[in-house]
Amino acid sequence: MKYIGLDLGSRTLGVAISDETGFLARSYDTFRFTDDDYDSAVKYTIDICNKENVKNVVLGFPKHMNGDNGVRASISEDFKAKIEEQSDIKVFLEDERLTTVIVDRAMISGNVKRKDRHKKKDEMAAVVILQGFLDKKSL
């Protein structure tokens, strides 16, 4: 079963996709939208799921380091609700604390130039989010 992974920002949506077996995540795309235009990001997500025949989405859930939910977590919950209301797609929230740190360190150690890191950061974060979910699921 394939999954789509998402890293939702205020202007970007990083997207990852799994293989057919739901075992391995890879980068897919970065969707850029006008500040806080989450409706266009919802539509884009549903369109990708339809194109790729995916019924399960893993959305990064940005909690504070102390475990509290903040404004960004509420935005993710609203995003999840909109996708589920407008489609038959199931959305799972996945803790995304430290994903940006993991991605930055990996790209720096891979000698990726700063300007290239900025372009791919969101979809690589989506890969980390999705892979973490897939790893837990397979245990």
N, C-alpha and C. Protein backbone atom coordinates (compact mmCIF):
# COMPACT_ATOMS: atom_id res chain seq x y z
N MET A 1 0.84 -1.18 0.00
CA MET A 1 0.00 0.00 0.00
C MET A 1 0.88 1.24 0.00
N LYS A 2 0.65 2.15 -0.96
CA LYS A 2 1.43 3.38 -1.07
C LYS A 2 0.91 4.44 -0.11
N TYR A 3 1.84 5.30 0.33
CA TYR A 3 1.52 6.43 1.20
C TYR A 3 2.15 7.69 0.61
N ILE A 4 1.52 8.82 0.92
CA ILE A 4 2.09 10.13 0.63
C ILE A 4 2.46 10.75 1.97
N GLY A 5 3.64 11.36 2.05
CA GLY A 5 4.06 12.08 3.24
C GLY A 5 4.08 13.57 2.96
N LEU A 6 3.68 14.38 3.94
CA LEU A 6 3.61 15.82 3.75
C LEU A 6 4.29 16.58 4.88
N ASP A 7 5.02 17.63 4.50
CA ASP A 7 5.58 18.59 5.44
C ASP A 7 4.96 19.94 5.09
N LEU A 8 4.00 20.39 5.90
CA LEU A 8 3.24 21.59 5.61
C LEU A 8 3.88 22.82 6.25
N GLY A 9 4.16 23.81 5.42
CA GLY A 9 4.64 25.09 5.90
C GLY A 9 3.63 26.17 5.58
N SER A 10 3.98 27.42 5.84
CA SER A 10 3.04 28.52 5.57
C SER A 10 3.02 28.91 4.10
N ARG A 11 4.05 28.49 3.33
CA ARG A 11 4.11 28.78 1.89
C ARG A 11 4.52 27.59 1.04
N THR A 12 4.87 26.48 1.68
CA THR A 12 5.32 25.31 0.93
C THR A 12 4.71 24.04 1.49
N LEU A 13 4.61 23.05 0.62
CA LEU A 13 4.16 21.72 1.01
C LEU A 13 5.17 20.74 0.43
N GLY A 14 6.02 20.18 1.32
CA GLY A 14 6.96 19.16 0.88
C GLY A 14 6.22 17.84 0.76
N VAL A 15 6.48 17.12 -0.32
CA VAL A 15 5.76 15.88 -0.59
C VAL A 15 6.75 14.73 -0.81
N ALA A 16 6.45 13.61 -0.16
CA ALA A 16 7.20 12.36 -0.35
C ALA A 16 6.20 11.28 -0.70
N ILE A 17 6.68 10.21 -1.29
CA ILE A 17 5.81 9.09 -1.64
C ILE A 17 6.54 7.79 -1.30
N SER A 18 5.78 6.79 -0.93
CA SER A 18 6.39 5.49 -0.63
C SER A 18 6.35 4.61 -1.87
N ASP A 19 7.08 3.51 -1.80
CA ASP A 19 6.98 2.50 -2.85
C ASP A 19 5.65 1.77 -2.69
N GLU A 20 5.36 0.86 -3.60
CA GLU A 20 4.08 0.13 -3.59
C GLU A 20 3.87 -0.68 -2.31
N THR A 21 4.96 -1.13 -1.69
CA THR A 21 4.84 -1.97 -0.50
C THR A 21 4.69 -1.16 0.78
N GLY A 22 4.84 0.17 0.69
CA GLY A 22 4.76 0.99 1.89
C GLY A 22 5.96 0.78 2.80
N PHE A 23 7.12 0.52 2.21
CA PHE A 23 8.32 0.23 2.98
C PHE A 23 9.34 1.37 2.92
N LEU A 24 9.47 2.01 1.75
CA LEU A 24 10.54 2.98 1.55
C LEU A 24 9.98 4.29 1.00
N ALA A 25 10.38 5.41 1.62
CA ALA A 25 9.93 6.74 1.20
C ALA A 25 10.99 7.39 0.31
N ARG A 26 10.50 8.20 -0.64
CA ARG A 26 11.41 8.99 -1.49
C ARG A 26 10.78 10.36 -1.74
N SER A 27 11.61 11.33 -2.10
CA SER A 27 11.09 12.67 -2.35
C SER A 27 10.23 12.66 -3.61
N TYR A 28 9.27 13.57 -3.63
CA TYR A 28 8.33 13.64 -4.76
C TYR A 28 8.27 15.05 -5.34
N ASP A 29 7.99 16.05 -4.50
CA ASP A 29 7.80 17.40 -5.03
C ASP A 29 7.74 18.40 -3.88
N THR A 30 7.90 19.67 -4.23
CA THR A 30 7.61 20.77 -3.31
C THR A 30 6.59 21.66 -3.99
N PHE A 31 5.43 21.82 -3.36
CA PHE A 31 4.37 22.68 -3.88
C PHE A 31 4.47 24.01 -3.16
N ARG A 32 4.54 25.08 -3.94
CA ARG A 32 4.63 26.43 -3.37
C ARG A 32 3.29 27.14 -3.58
N PHE A 33 2.84 27.84 -2.53
CA PHE A 33 1.56 28.53 -2.59
C PHE A 33 1.66 29.87 -1.89
N THR A 34 0.66 30.71 -2.11
CA THR A 34 0.60 32.02 -1.47
C THR A 34 0.48 31.84 0.04
N ASP A 35 1.05 32.76 0.80
CA ASP A 35 1.03 32.68 2.26
C ASP A 35 -0.33 32.21 2.79
N ASP A 36 -0.30 31.15 3.55
CA ASP A 36 -1.46 30.61 4.26
C ASP A 36 -2.64 30.22 3.35
N ASP A 37 -2.39 29.95 2.07
CA ASP A 37 -3.44 29.50 1.16
C ASP A 37 -3.52 27.97 1.22
N TYR A 38 -3.98 27.49 2.36
CA TYR A 38 -3.99 26.04 2.59
C TYR A 38 -5.02 25.31 1.72
N ASP A 39 -6.04 26.03 1.25
CA ASP A 39 -7.02 25.39 0.38
C ASP A 39 -6.38 24.90 -0.92
N SER A 40 -5.46 25.69 -1.48
CA SER A 40 -4.78 25.25 -2.70
C SER A 40 -3.88 24.05 -2.41
N ALA A 41 -3.29 24.02 -1.22
CA ALA A 41 -2.45 22.88 -0.84
C ALA A 41 -3.29 21.62 -0.61
N VAL A 42 -4.50 21.78 -0.08
CA VAL A 42 -5.42 20.65 0.08
C VAL A 42 -5.78 20.09 -1.29
N LYS A 43 -6.14 20.98 -2.22
CA LYS A 43 -6.50 20.55 -3.57
C LYS A 43 -5.32 19.82 -4.22
N TYR A 44 -4.13 20.38 -4.10
CA TYR A 44 -2.92 19.77 -4.67
C TYR A 44 -2.71 18.37 -4.09
N THR A 45 -2.88 18.23 -2.78
CA THR A 45 -2.71 16.93 -2.12
C THR A 45 -3.71 15.91 -2.65
N ILE A 46 -4.95 16.30 -2.74
CA ILE A 46 -5.99 15.38 -3.24
C ILE A 46 -5.70 15.00 -4.69
N ASP A 47 -5.27 15.97 -5.49
CA ASP A 47 -4.92 15.69 -6.89
C ASP A 47 -3.78 14.68 -7.00
N ILE A 48 -2.74 14.85 -6.19
CA ILE A 48 -1.61 13.90 -6.21
C ILE A 48 -2.07 12.51 -5.78
N CYS A 49 -2.86 12.46 -4.74
CA CYS A 49 -3.36 11.16 -4.26
C CYS A 49 -4.17 10.46 -5.34
N ASN A 50 -4.99 11.20 -6.05
CA ASN A 50 -5.77 10.61 -7.14
C ASN A 50 -4.86 10.15 -8.28
N LYS A 51 -3.90 10.99 -8.64
CA LYS A 51 -2.95 10.65 -9.71
C LYS A 51 -2.14 9.40 -9.38
N GLU A 52 -1.68 9.31 -8.14
CA GLU A 52 -0.82 8.20 -7.72
C GLU A 52 -1.59 7.03 -7.12
N ASN A 53 -2.92 7.15 -7.06
CA ASN A 53 -3.77 6.10 -6.50
C ASN A 53 -3.40 5.78 -5.05
N VAL A 54 -3.34 6.83 -4.24
CA VAL A 54 -2.97 6.71 -2.83
C VAL A 54 -4.17 7.09 -1.96
N LYS A 55 -4.42 6.30 -0.94
CA LYS A 55 -5.57 6.54 -0.05
C LYS A 55 -5.14 6.90 1.37
N ASN A 56 -3.83 6.94 1.62
CA ASN A 56 -3.32 7.24 2.96
C ASN A 56 -2.23 8.31 2.89
N VAL A 57 -2.40 9.34 3.72
CA VAL A 57 -1.46 10.45 3.78
C VAL A 57 -0.92 10.53 5.21
N VAL A 58 0.38 10.80 5.30
CA VAL A 58 1.03 11.02 6.60
C VAL A 58 1.45 12.48 6.63
N LEU A 59 0.84 13.23 7.52
CA LEU A 59 1.07 14.67 7.63
C LEU A 59 1.90 14.96 8.87
N GLY A 60 2.99 15.72 8.67
CA GLY A 60 3.80 16.13 9.81
C GLY A 60 2.99 16.93 10.81
N PHE A 61 3.17 16.61 12.08
CA PHE A 61 2.44 17.26 13.16
C PHE A 61 3.45 17.99 14.04
N PRO A 62 3.54 19.33 13.88
CA PRO A 62 4.61 20.10 14.53
C PRO A 62 4.30 20.46 15.99
N LYS A 63 4.63 19.56 16.89
CA LYS A 63 4.46 19.84 18.31
C LYS A 63 5.66 20.65 18.82
N HIS A 64 5.45 21.33 19.93
CA HIS A 64 6.56 21.99 20.60
C HIS A 64 7.44 20.91 21.24
N MET A 65 8.66 21.26 21.55
CA MET A 65 9.59 20.29 22.14
C MET A 65 9.08 19.73 23.47
N ASN A 66 8.27 20.50 24.19
CA ASN A 66 7.73 20.01 25.47
C ASN A 66 6.47 19.16 25.28
N GLY A 67 6.06 18.94 24.00
CA GLY A 67 4.90 18.10 23.71
C GLY A 67 3.60 18.86 23.53
N ASP A 68 3.61 20.16 23.82
CA ASP A 68 2.39 20.95 23.65
C ASP A 68 2.10 21.19 22.17
N ASN A 69 0.83 21.39 21.86
CA ASN A 69 0.41 21.76 20.51
C ASN A 69 0.33 23.27 20.42
N GLY A 70 0.86 23.82 19.34
CA GLY A 70 0.79 25.26 19.14
C GLY A 70 -0.05 25.60 17.92
N VAL A 71 0.14 26.78 17.40
CA VAL A 71 -0.61 27.27 16.25
C VAL A 71 -0.37 26.38 15.03
N ARG A 72 0.88 26.02 14.77
CA ARG A 72 1.19 25.19 13.59
C ARG A 72 0.52 23.81 13.70
N ALA A 73 0.43 23.26 14.89
CA ALA A 73 -0.24 21.97 15.07
C ALA A 73 -1.73 22.11 14.76
N SER A 74 -2.34 23.21 15.17
CA SER A 74 -3.76 23.46 14.87
C SER A 74 -3.98 23.57 13.37
N ILE A 75 -3.06 24.22 12.68
CA ILE A 75 -3.16 24.35 11.22
C ILE A 75 -3.10 22.96 10.58
N SER A 76 -2.21 22.10 11.09
CA SER A 76 -2.11 20.73 10.56
C SER A 76 -3.39 19.95 10.82
N GLU A 77 -3.98 20.12 11.99
CA GLU A 77 -5.25 19.42 12.29
C GLU A 77 -6.36 19.89 11.35
N ASP A 78 -6.41 21.20 11.08
CA ASP A 78 -7.40 21.73 10.14
C ASP A 78 -7.16 21.20 8.73
N PHE A 79 -5.90 21.14 8.33
CA PHE A 79 -5.52 20.63 7.01
C PHE A 79 -5.97 19.17 6.86
N LYS A 80 -5.71 18.38 7.88
CA LYS A 80 -6.15 16.97 7.91
C LYS A 80 -7.66 16.88 7.74
N ALA A 81 -8.39 17.68 8.50
CA ALA A 81 -9.85 17.65 8.45
C ALA A 81 -10.36 18.01 7.05
N LYS A 82 -9.76 19.01 6.41
CA LYS A 82 -10.20 19.42 5.08
C LYS A 82 -9.97 18.30 4.06
N ILE A 83 -8.83 17.64 4.12
CA ILE A 83 -8.57 16.55 3.18
C ILE A 83 -9.58 15.44 3.37
N GLU A 84 -9.82 15.08 4.63
CA GLU A 84 -10.75 13.97 4.91
C GLU A 84 -12.20 14.34 4.56
N GLU A 85 -12.56 15.61 4.71
CA GLU A 85 -13.92 16.06 4.35
C GLU A 85 -14.13 16.07 2.84
N GLN A 86 -13.08 16.37 2.08
CA GLN A 86 -13.21 16.54 0.64
C GLN A 86 -12.86 15.30 -0.18
N SER A 87 -12.50 14.21 0.49
CA SER A 87 -12.06 13.02 -0.22
C SER A 87 -12.27 11.78 0.65
N ASP A 88 -11.88 10.64 0.12
CA ASP A 88 -11.92 9.39 0.90
C ASP A 88 -10.51 9.01 1.38
N ILE A 89 -9.66 10.01 1.50
CA ILE A 89 -8.27 9.81 1.93
C ILE A 89 -8.19 9.85 3.45
N LYS A 90 -7.45 8.92 4.03
CA LYS A 90 -7.21 8.88 5.47
C LYS A 90 -5.90 9.60 5.75
N VAL A 91 -5.91 10.51 6.72
CA VAL A 91 -4.71 11.28 7.07
C VAL A 91 -4.26 10.91 8.47
N PHE A 92 -2.99 10.53 8.59
CA PHE A 92 -2.36 10.21 9.87
C PHE A 92 -1.45 11.36 10.24
N LEU A 93 -1.50 11.82 11.50
CA LEU A 93 -0.59 12.86 11.98
C LEU A 93 0.64 12.19 12.57
N GLU A 94 1.81 12.67 12.14
CA GLU A 94 3.08 12.09 12.59
C GLU A 94 3.95 13.18 13.19
N ASP A 95 4.40 12.97 14.42
CA ASP A 95 5.26 13.93 15.12
C ASP A 95 6.45 14.27 14.23
N GLU A 96 6.65 15.56 14.01
CA GLU A 96 7.74 15.96 13.13
C GLU A 96 8.84 16.75 13.85
N ARG A 97 8.85 16.67 15.17
CA ARG A 97 9.90 17.38 15.90
C ARG A 97 11.27 16.90 15.43
N LEU A 98 12.16 17.84 15.20
CA LEU A 98 13.56 17.63 14.81
C LEU A 98 13.75 17.18 13.37
N THR A 99 12.70 17.09 12.56
CA THR A 99 12.91 16.67 11.16
C THR A 99 13.78 17.65 10.40
N THR A 100 13.59 18.94 10.63
CA THR A 100 14.40 19.94 9.94
C THR A 100 15.87 19.80 10.32
N VAL A 101 16.13 19.53 11.58
CA VAL A 101 17.51 19.34 12.03
C VAL A 101 18.12 18.12 11.35
N ILE A 102 17.38 17.03 11.28
CA ILE A 102 17.86 15.81 10.64
C ILE A 102 18.17 16.07 9.16
N VAL A 103 17.25 16.76 8.48
CA VAL A 103 17.44 17.04 7.06
C VAL A 103 18.63 17.96 6.84
N ASP A 104 18.73 19.03 7.63
CA ASP A 104 19.86 19.96 7.47
C ASP A 104 21.19 19.25 7.68
N ARG A 105 21.29 18.45 8.72
CA ARG A 105 22.54 17.73 8.98
C ARG A 105 22.88 16.75 7.87
N ALA A 106 21.87 16.05 7.36
CA ALA A 106 22.11 15.08 6.28
C ALA A 106 22.60 15.79 5.02
N MET A 107 21.97 16.92 4.69
CA MET A 107 22.36 17.63 3.47
C MET A 107 23.74 18.29 3.63
N ILE A 108 24.03 18.79 4.81
CA ILE A 108 25.36 19.38 5.04
C ILE A 108 26.43 18.30 4.94
N SER A 109 26.18 17.15 5.57
CA SER A 109 27.17 16.08 5.51
C SER A 109 27.30 15.50 4.10
N GLY A 110 26.26 15.68 3.28
CA GLY A 110 26.31 15.25 1.89
C GLY A 110 26.85 16.34 0.96
N ASN A 111 27.38 17.41 1.55
CA ASN A 111 27.97 18.52 0.79
C ASN A 111 26.99 19.18 -0.19
N VAL A 112 25.73 19.25 0.19
CA VAL A 112 24.73 19.94 -0.64
C VAL A 112 24.88 21.44 -0.40
N LYS A 113 24.96 22.20 -1.49
CA LYS A 113 25.13 23.65 -1.39
C LYS A 113 23.92 24.28 -0.69
N ARG A 114 24.16 25.39 0.00
CA ARG A 114 23.12 26.07 0.77
C ARG A 114 21.88 26.38 -0.07
N LYS A 115 22.07 26.94 -1.27
CA LYS A 115 20.91 27.28 -2.11
C LYS A 115 20.14 26.04 -2.54
N ASP A 116 20.83 24.92 -2.76
CA ASP A 116 20.16 23.68 -3.12
C ASP A 116 19.45 23.06 -1.92
N ARG A 117 20.03 23.24 -0.72
CA ARG A 117 19.38 22.74 0.50
C ARG A 117 18.04 23.42 0.68
N HIS A 118 17.99 24.72 0.44
CA HIS A 118 16.75 25.48 0.62
C HIS A 118 15.66 24.97 -0.32
N LYS A 119 16.02 24.62 -1.55
CA LYS A 119 15.04 24.17 -2.54
C LYS A 119 14.43 22.82 -2.18
N LYS A 120 15.21 21.94 -1.58
CA LYS A 120 14.77 20.56 -1.35
C LYS A 120 14.41 20.26 0.10
N LYS A 121 14.61 21.22 0.99
CA LYS A 121 14.43 21.00 2.43
C LYS A 121 13.04 20.46 2.79
N ASP A 122 12.00 21.03 2.20
CA ASP A 122 10.64 20.64 2.58
C ASP A 122 10.29 19.23 2.13
N GLU A 123 10.67 18.87 0.90
CA GLU A 123 10.34 17.51 0.47
C GLU A 123 11.21 16.47 1.17
N MET A 124 12.43 16.85 1.55
CA MET A 124 13.27 15.91 2.31
C MET A 124 12.71 15.73 3.73
N ALA A 125 12.16 16.81 4.30
CA ALA A 125 11.49 16.69 5.61
C ALA A 125 10.29 15.76 5.49
N ALA A 126 9.57 15.85 4.36
CA ALA A 126 8.43 14.94 4.13
C ALA A 126 8.91 13.49 4.06
N VAL A 127 10.08 13.27 3.47
CA VAL A 127 10.64 11.91 3.42
C VAL A 127 10.92 11.40 4.83
N VAL A 128 11.52 12.24 5.67
CA VAL A 128 11.82 11.83 7.05
C VAL A 128 10.53 11.53 7.82
N ILE A 129 9.52 12.37 7.65
CA ILE A 129 8.23 12.17 8.32
C ILE A 129 7.61 10.85 7.87
N LEU A 130 7.56 10.64 6.55
CA LEU A 130 6.94 9.43 6.02
C LEU A 130 7.73 8.18 6.39
N GLN A 131 9.04 8.24 6.28
CA GLN A 131 9.86 7.07 6.60
C GLN A 131 9.72 6.69 8.08
N GLY A 132 9.65 7.68 8.95
CA GLY A 132 9.45 7.40 10.37
C GLY A 132 8.14 6.68 10.61
N PHE A 133 7.09 7.11 9.94
CA PHE A 133 5.78 6.46 10.05
C PHE A 133 5.86 5.03 9.51
N LEU A 134 6.46 4.86 8.35
CA LEU A 134 6.55 3.52 7.73
C LEU A 134 7.37 2.57 8.60
N ASP A 135 8.45 3.07 9.19
CA ASP A 135 9.29 2.23 10.06
C ASP A 135 8.50 1.74 11.28
N LYS A 136 7.73 2.64 11.88
CA LYS A 136 6.93 2.24 13.06
C LYS A 136 5.84 1.25 12.68
N LYS A 137 5.26 1.46 11.50
CA LYS A 137 4.18 0.60 11.03
C LYS A 137 4.66 -0.83 10.78
N SER A 138 5.91 -0.95 10.34
CA SER A 138 6.42 -2.28 9.98
C SER A 138 6.96 -3.06 11.19
N LEU A 139 6.99 -2.44 12.36
CA LEU A 139 7.49 -3.15 13.55
C LEU A 139 6.51 -4.17 14.06
